[in-house]
C-alpha atoms as a PDB file:
ATOM      1  CA  MET A   1      96.099 119.439 104.387  1.00  0.00           C
ATOM      2  CA  THR A   2      95.828 118.878 100.647  1.00  0.00           C
ATOM      3  CA  THR A   3      95.775 115.269  99.527  1.00  0.00           C
ATOM      4  CA  PRO A   4      98.560 114.493  97.069  1.00  0.00           C
ATOM      5  CA  PRO A   5      97.592 112.288  94.115  1.00  0.00           C
ATOM      6  CA  ALA A   6     100.273 109.717  95.004  1.00  0.00           C
ATOM      7  CA  ILE A   7     102.108 108.468  98.080  1.00  0.00           C
ATOM      8  CA  ALA A   8     104.832 105.968  98.850  1.00  0.00           C
ATOM      9  CA  VAL A   9     105.585 104.467 102.256  1.00  0.00           C
ATOM     10  CA  PHE A  10     108.874 102.796 103.158  1.00  0.00           C
ATOM     11  CA  GLU A  11     109.721 100.700 106.216  1.00  0.00           C
ATOM     12  CA  PHE A  12     113.425 100.223 107.018  1.00  0.00           C
ATOM     13  CA  ASP A  13     115.078  97.949 109.549  1.00  0.00           C
ATOM     14  CA  SER A  14     117.907 100.494 109.905  1.00  0.00           C
ATOM     15  CA  ILE A  15     117.378 104.028 111.158  1.00  0.00           C
ATOM     16  CA  ALA A  16     120.685 105.152 109.617  1.00  0.00           C
ATOM     17  CA  VAL A  17     119.910 103.727 106.169  1.00  0.00           C
ATOM     18  CA  GLY A  18     116.306 104.946 106.377  1.00  0.00           C
ATOM     19  CA  THR A  19     117.475 108.487 107.113  1.00  0.00           C
ATOM     20  CA  HIS A  20     119.952 108.348 104.250  1.00  0.00           C
ATOM     21  CA  ALA A  21     117.275 107.052 101.868  1.00  0.00           C
ATOM     22  CA  ALA A  22     114.804 109.730 103.051  1.00  0.00           C
ATOM     23  CA  ASP A  23     117.364 112.426 102.300  1.00  0.00           C
ATOM     24  CA  ALA A  24     117.976 110.970  98.836  1.00  0.00           C
ATOM     25  CA  MET A  25     114.228 110.746  98.128  1.00  0.00           C
ATOM     26  CA  VAL A  26     113.451 114.328  99.088  1.00  0.00           C
ATOM     27  CA  LYS A  27     116.403 115.555  96.993  1.00  0.00           C
ATOM     28  CA  LYS A  28     115.454 113.512  93.928  1.00  0.00           C
ATOM     29  CA  ALA A  29     112.105 115.081  92.985  1.00  0.00           C
ATOM     30  CA  PRO A  30     109.762 117.870  94.103  1.00  0.00           C
ATOM     31  CA  ILE A  31     107.537 115.939  96.522  1.00  0.00           C
ATOM     32  CA  THR A  32     104.940 117.901  98.494  1.00  0.00           C
ATOM     33  CA  THR A  33     104.580 115.676 101.561  1.00  0.00           C
ATOM     34  CA  PHE A  34     107.432 114.335 103.619  1.00  0.00           C
ATOM     35  CA  ARG A  35     107.064 112.505 106.943  1.00  0.00           C
ATOM     36  CA  ILE A  36     109.825 110.512 108.593  1.00  0.00           C
ATOM     37  CA  GLY A  37     110.471 108.938 111.956  1.00  0.00           C
ATOM     38  CA  THR A  38     111.208 105.959 114.115  1.00  0.00           C
ATOM     39  CA  VAL A  39     108.578 103.410 115.087  1.00  0.00           C
ATOM     40  CA  GLN A  40     108.722 100.308 117.207  1.00  0.00           C
ATOM     41  CA  PRO A  41     110.631  98.019 117.276  1.00  0.00           C
ATOM     42  CA  GLY A  42     113.582 100.049 115.966  1.00  0.00           C
ATOM     43  CA  LYS A  43     112.156 100.595 112.485  1.00  0.00           C
ATOM     44  CA  TYR A  44     112.192 103.771 110.404  1.00  0.00           C
ATOM     45  CA  LEU A  45     109.232 104.968 108.320  1.00  0.00           C
ATOM     46  CA  VAL A  46     109.254 107.367 105.397  1.00  0.00           C
ATOM     47  CA  LEU A  47     106.056 108.668 103.760  1.00  0.00           C
ATOM     48  CA  ILE A  48     106.326 110.818 100.657  1.00  0.00           C
ATOM     49  CA  GLY A  49     103.545 112.363  98.601  1.00  0.00           C
ATOM     50  CA  GLY A  50     103.119 114.495  95.526  1.00  0.00           C
ATOM     51  CA  SER A  51     102.538 114.120  91.826  1.00  0.00           C
ATOM     52  CA  VAL A  52     102.631 110.580  90.493  1.00  0.00           C
ATOM     53  CA  ALA A  53     105.830 111.290  88.526  1.00  0.00           C
ATOM     54  CA  ALA A  54     107.627 112.923  91.479  1.00  0.00           C
ATOM     55  CA  VAL A  55     106.692 110.180  93.935  1.00  0.00           C
ATOM     56  CA  GLU A  56     107.654 107.469  91.457  1.00  0.00           C
ATOM     57  CA  GLU A  57     111.047 109.100  90.847  1.00  0.00           C
ATOM     58  CA  SER A  58     111.687 109.570  94.578  1.00  0.00           C
ATOM     59  CA  ARG A  59     110.560 105.997  95.257  1.00  0.00           C
ATOM     60  CA  LYS A  60     113.062 104.597  92.779  1.00  0.00           C
ATOM     61  CA  GLU A  61     115.802 106.562  94.533  1.00  0.00           C
ATOM     62  CA  GLY A  62     114.617 105.239  97.903  1.00  0.00           C
ATOM     63  CA  LEU A  63     114.767 101.674  96.584  1.00  0.00           C
ATOM     64  CA  ARG A  64     118.284 102.252  95.252  1.00  0.00           C
ATOM     65  CA  VAL A  65     119.657 103.836  98.423  1.00  0.00           C
ATOM     66  CA  GLY A  66     117.660 101.733 100.915  1.00  0.00           C
ATOM     67  CA  GLY A  67     118.555  98.397  99.384  1.00  0.00           C
ATOM     68  CA  GLU A  68     118.420  95.450 101.771  1.00  0.00           C
ATOM     69  CA  ALA A  69     117.410  97.651 104.727  1.00  0.00           C
ATOM     70  CA  ILE A  70     113.901  97.995 103.213  1.00  0.00           C
ATOM     71  CA  THR A  71     111.567  95.554 104.930  1.00  0.00           C
ATOM     72  CA  ASP A  72     108.435  96.713 103.084  1.00  0.00           C
ATOM     73  CA  GLU A  73     107.353  99.528 100.762  1.00  0.00           C
ATOM     74  CA  ILE A  74     104.326 100.550  98.762  1.00  0.00           C
ATOM     75  CA  PHE A  75     103.464 103.021  96.014  1.00  0.00           C
ATOM     76  CA  LEU A  76      99.886 104.275  95.629  1.00  0.00           C
ATOM     77  CA  PRO A  77      99.593 106.378  92.457  1.00  0.00           C
ATOM     78  CA  ASP A  78      95.923 107.235  93.155  1.00  0.00           C
ATOM     79  CA  VAL A  79      95.673 107.381  96.944  1.00  0.00           C
ATOM     80  CA  HIS A  80      92.249 107.894  98.530  1.00  0.00           C
ATOM     81  CA  ALA A  81      91.957 111.122 100.568  1.00  0.00           C
ATOM     82  CA  GLN A  82      90.866 109.186 103.685  1.00  0.00           C
ATOM     83  CA  VAL A  83      94.004 107.047 103.523  1.00  0.00           C
ATOM     84  CA  PHE A  84      96.313 110.021 103.244  1.00  0.00           C
ATOM     85  CA  ALA A  85      94.603 111.780 106.164  1.00  0.00           C
ATOM     86  CA  ALA A  86      94.630 108.681 108.376  1.00  0.00           C
ATOM     87  CA  ALA A  87      98.240 107.760 107.534  1.00  0.00           C
ATOM     88  CA  SER A  88      99.124 111.334 108.496  1.00  0.00           C
ATOM     89  CA  GLY A  89      97.593 110.791 111.947  1.00  0.00           C
ATOM     90  CA  GLN A  90      94.074 112.188 111.538  1.00  0.00           C
ATOM     91  CA  ARG A  91      91.121 110.359 113.136  1.00  0.00           C
ATOM     92  CA  GLN A  92      87.486 110.247 112.034  1.00  0.00           C
ATOM     93  CA  PRO A  93      84.381 109.497 114.133  1.00  0.00           C
ATOM     94  CA  ASN A  94      83.472 105.849 114.649  1.00  0.00           C
ATOM     95  CA  ALA A  95      79.852 106.376 113.643  1.00  0.00           C
ATOM     96  CA  GLY A  96      78.962 103.166 111.795  1.00  0.00           C
ATOM     97  CA  ASP A  97      77.071 100.167 113.100  1.00  0.00           C
ATOM     98  CA  ALA A  98      79.921  97.816 112.204  1.00  0.00           C
ATOM     99  CA  LEU A  99      83.615  97.984 113.017  1.00  0.00           C
ATOM    100  CA  GLY A 100      86.239  96.321 110.847  1.00  0.00           C
ATOM    101  CA  ILE A 101      89.890  95.861 111.731  1.00  0.00           C
ATOM    102  CA  ILE A 102      92.824  94.956 109.486  1.00  0.00           C
ATOM    103  CA  GLU A 103      96.065  94.122 111.326  1.00  0.00           C
ATOM    104  CA  THR A 104      99.305  93.427 109.469  1.00  0.00           C
ATOM    105  CA  SER A 105     102.806  92.510 110.577  1.00  0.00           C
ATOM    106  CA  ALA A 106     104.265  94.939 108.017  1.00  0.00           C
ATOM    107  CA  ILE A 107     103.393  98.624 108.102  1.00  0.00           C
ATOM    108  CA  PRO A 108     103.243  99.808 104.455  1.00  0.00           C
ATOM    109  CA  ILE A 109     101.030  96.932 103.298  1.00  0.00           C
ATOM    110  CA  ASN A 110      98.475  98.035 105.884  1.00  0.00           C
ATOM    111  CA  VAL A 111      98.230 101.390 104.096  1.00  0.00           C
ATOM    112  CA  THR A 112      97.617  99.534 100.818  1.00  0.00           C
ATOM    113  CA  ALA A 113      94.907  97.431 102.483  1.00  0.00           C
ATOM    114  CA  ALA A 114      93.211 100.558 103.838  1.00  0.00           C
ATOM    115  CA  ASP A 115      93.308 102.187 100.398  1.00  0.00           C
ATOM    116  CA  LYS A 116      91.723  99.151  98.744  1.00  0.00           C
ATOM    117  CA  ALA A 117      89.119  98.865 101.513  1.00  0.00           C
ATOM    118  CA  VAL A 118      87.927 102.466 101.312  1.00  0.00           C
ATOM    119  CA  LYS A 119      87.811 102.330  97.504  1.00  0.00           C
ATOM    120  CA  THR A 120      85.694  99.152  97.599  1.00  0.00           C
ATOM    121  CA  ALA A 121      82.796 100.200  99.814  1.00  0.00           C
ATOM    122  CA  GLU A 122      81.268 103.180 101.572  1.00  0.00           C
ATOM    123  CA  VAL A 123      83.227 103.058 104.836  1.00  0.00           C
ATOM    124  CA  THR A 124      85.034 105.552 107.020  1.00  0.00           C
ATOM    125  CA  ILE A 125      88.610 105.026 108.089  1.00  0.00           C
ATOM    126  CA  VAL A 126      88.482 105.775 111.811  1.00  0.00           C
ATOM    127  CA  GLU A 127      92.253 105.506 112.087  1.00  0.00           C
ATOM    128  CA  ILE A 128      95.392 103.973 110.689  1.00  0.00           C
ATOM    129  CA  ARG A 129      98.093 103.336 113.290  1.00  0.00           C
ATOM    130  CA  LEU A 130     101.563 102.555 112.095  1.00  0.00           C
ATOM    131  CA  GLY A 131     104.155 100.912 114.319  1.00  0.00           C
ATOM    132  CA  ASP A 132     104.232 102.807 117.587  1.00  0.00           C
ATOM    133  CA  GLY A 133     102.627 100.991 120.469  1.00  0.00           C
ATOM    134  CA  LEU A 134     101.975  98.051 118.162  1.00  0.00           C
ATOM    135  CA  GLY A 135     105.309  96.249 118.089  1.00  0.00           C
ATOM    136  CA  GLY A 136     105.875  97.306 114.492  1.00  0.00           C
ATOM    137  CA  LYS A 137     102.459  96.302 113.168  1.00  0.00           C
ATOM    138  CA  GLY A 138     100.013  98.338 111.136  1.00  0.00           C
ATOM    139  CA  ILE A 139      96.345  98.510 112.050  1.00  0.00           C
ATOM    140  CA  THR A 140      93.337 100.066 110.333  1.00  0.00           C
ATOM    141  CA  HIS A 141      89.911 100.578 111.909  1.00  0.00           C
ATOM    142  CA  LEU A 142      86.943 101.062 109.541  1.00  0.00           C
ATOM    143  CA  SER A 143      83.319 101.807 110.336  1.00  0.00           C
ATOM    144  CA  GLY A 144      80.108 101.789 108.359  1.00  0.00           C
ATOM    145  CA  ALA A 145      77.143  99.603 107.534  1.00  0.00           C
ATOM    146  CA  VAL A 146      77.735  95.890 108.092  1.00  0.00           C
ATOM    147  CA  ARG A 147      77.638  94.927 104.401  1.00  0.00           C
ATOM    148  CA  ASP A 148      80.034  97.736 103.456  1.00  0.00           C
ATOM    149  CA  VAL A 149      82.505  96.949 106.234  1.00  0.00           C
ATOM    150  CA  GLN A 150      82.482  93.251 105.296  1.00  0.00           C
ATOM    151  CA  ALA A 151      83.187  94.076 101.639  1.00  0.00           C
ATOM    152  CA  ALA A 152      85.888  96.599 102.543  1.00  0.00           C
ATOM    153  CA  ILE A 153      87.661  94.219 104.919  1.00  0.00           C
ATOM    154  CA  ALA A 154      87.569  91.374 102.383  1.00  0.00           C
ATOM    155  CA  ALA A 155      89.078  93.600  99.690  1.00  0.00           C
ATOM    156  CA  GLY A 156      91.730  95.026 102.018  1.00  0.00           C
ATOM    157  CA  VAL A 157      92.796  91.635 103.313  1.00  0.00           C
ATOM    158  CA  ALA A 158      93.009  90.270  99.757  1.00  0.00           C
ATOM    159  CA  VAL A 159      95.695  92.816  98.812  1.00  0.00           C
ATOM    160  CA  ALA A 160      97.524  92.486 102.146  1.00  0.00           C
ATOM    161  CA  THR A 161      97.879  88.711 101.946  1.00  0.00           C
ATOM    162  CA  ARG A 162     101.372  87.851 100.773  1.00  0.00           C
ATOM    163  CA  PRO A 163     104.328  85.703 101.853  1.00  0.00           C
ATOM    164  CA  GLY A 164     106.087  86.912 104.967  1.00  0.00           C
ATOM    165  CA  VAL A 165     103.232  89.134 106.140  1.00  0.00           C
ATOM    166  CA  THR A 166     100.867  88.021 108.866  1.00  0.00           C
ATOM    167  CA  THR A 167      97.396  89.469 108.372  1.00  0.00           C
ATOM    168  CA  ARG A 168      94.535  89.277 110.820  1.00  0.00           C
ATOM    169  CA  HIS A 169      91.100  90.816 110.466  1.00  0.00           C
ATOM    170  CA  ILE A 170      87.713  90.953 112.099  1.00  0.00           C
ATOM    171  CA  VAL A 171      84.299  92.477 111.493  1.00  0.00           C
ATOM    172  CA  ILE A 172      82.142  93.294 114.508  1.00  0.00           C
ATOM    173  CA  PRO A 173      78.667  93.598 112.952  1.00  0.00           C
ATOM    174  CA  ILE A 174      77.015  95.587 115.740  1.00  0.00           C
ATOM    175  CA  GLN A 175      79.518  97.291 118.002  1.00  0.00           C
ATOM    176  CA  HIS A 176      78.549  98.038 121.573  1.00  0.00           C
ATOM    177  CA  ASP A 177      78.075 101.765 122.296  1.00  0.00           C
ATOM    178  CA  GLU A 178      80.926 101.770 124.835  1.00  0.00           C
ATOM    179  CA  LEU A 179      83.295 100.154 122.317  1.00  0.00           C
ATOM    180  CA  ARG A 180      82.165 102.597 119.595  1.00  0.00           C
ATOM    181  CA  GLU A 181      82.876 105.543 121.895  1.00  0.00           C
ATOM    182  CA  ARG A 182      86.254 104.214 123.054  1.00  0.00           C
ATOM    183  CA  ILE A 183      87.482 103.302 119.549  1.00  0.00           C
ATOM    184  CA  GLY A 184      86.224 106.681 118.336  1.00  0.00           C
ATOM    185  CA  HIS A 185      88.339 108.417 120.975  1.00  0.00           C
ATOM    186  CA  ALA A 186      91.567 106.366 120.853  1.00  0.00           C
ATOM    187  CA  THR A 187      92.834 102.808 120.587  1.00  0.00           C
ATOM    188  CA  GLU A 188      95.901 103.230 122.785  1.00  0.00           C
ATOM    189  CA  TYR A 189      95.462 101.729 126.249  1.00  0.00           C
ATOM    190  CA  TYR A 190      96.609 104.836 128.136  1.00  0.00           C
ATOM    191  CA  ALA A 191      94.972 107.439 125.906  1.00  0.00           C
END
């Protein structure tokens, strides 16, 4: 999967309006990545990717059509390849000594936090989970050396902190081998 230079992520509180906005976005400009779907609790997510100009044009159309049904949205004109892969559902090994977690009550801002974190320090995004099984939250797991994970988490939380969004975070400096293995495999209880 080729990483597009830019992505935008929209969260809607209406599935109908979100679907309409997604249709308008994909028609507006030649985007190369298009993911849509429902997430808990009754939200609708749209992720678009492509050239900066195409994503920006499609994003403006999404804002116009989505209106008040948009609960959160982000635009990353220079998205990190790890963020794109993780937001698309890919996992990486949890190989670092430290584990960092960023949890947000809004989904798109979590993607922004992950992007800032991975651009700040040498860390690996183990996973980004968006909405499903999380009650509509976003969560990012990062691994690496303790100092790097601490710096990455601090930077990610700084951009995710805003009115109306609850943000929680933690750094586990030396993760237990059983935790490392389990987080590396999956973070869902039944997985």
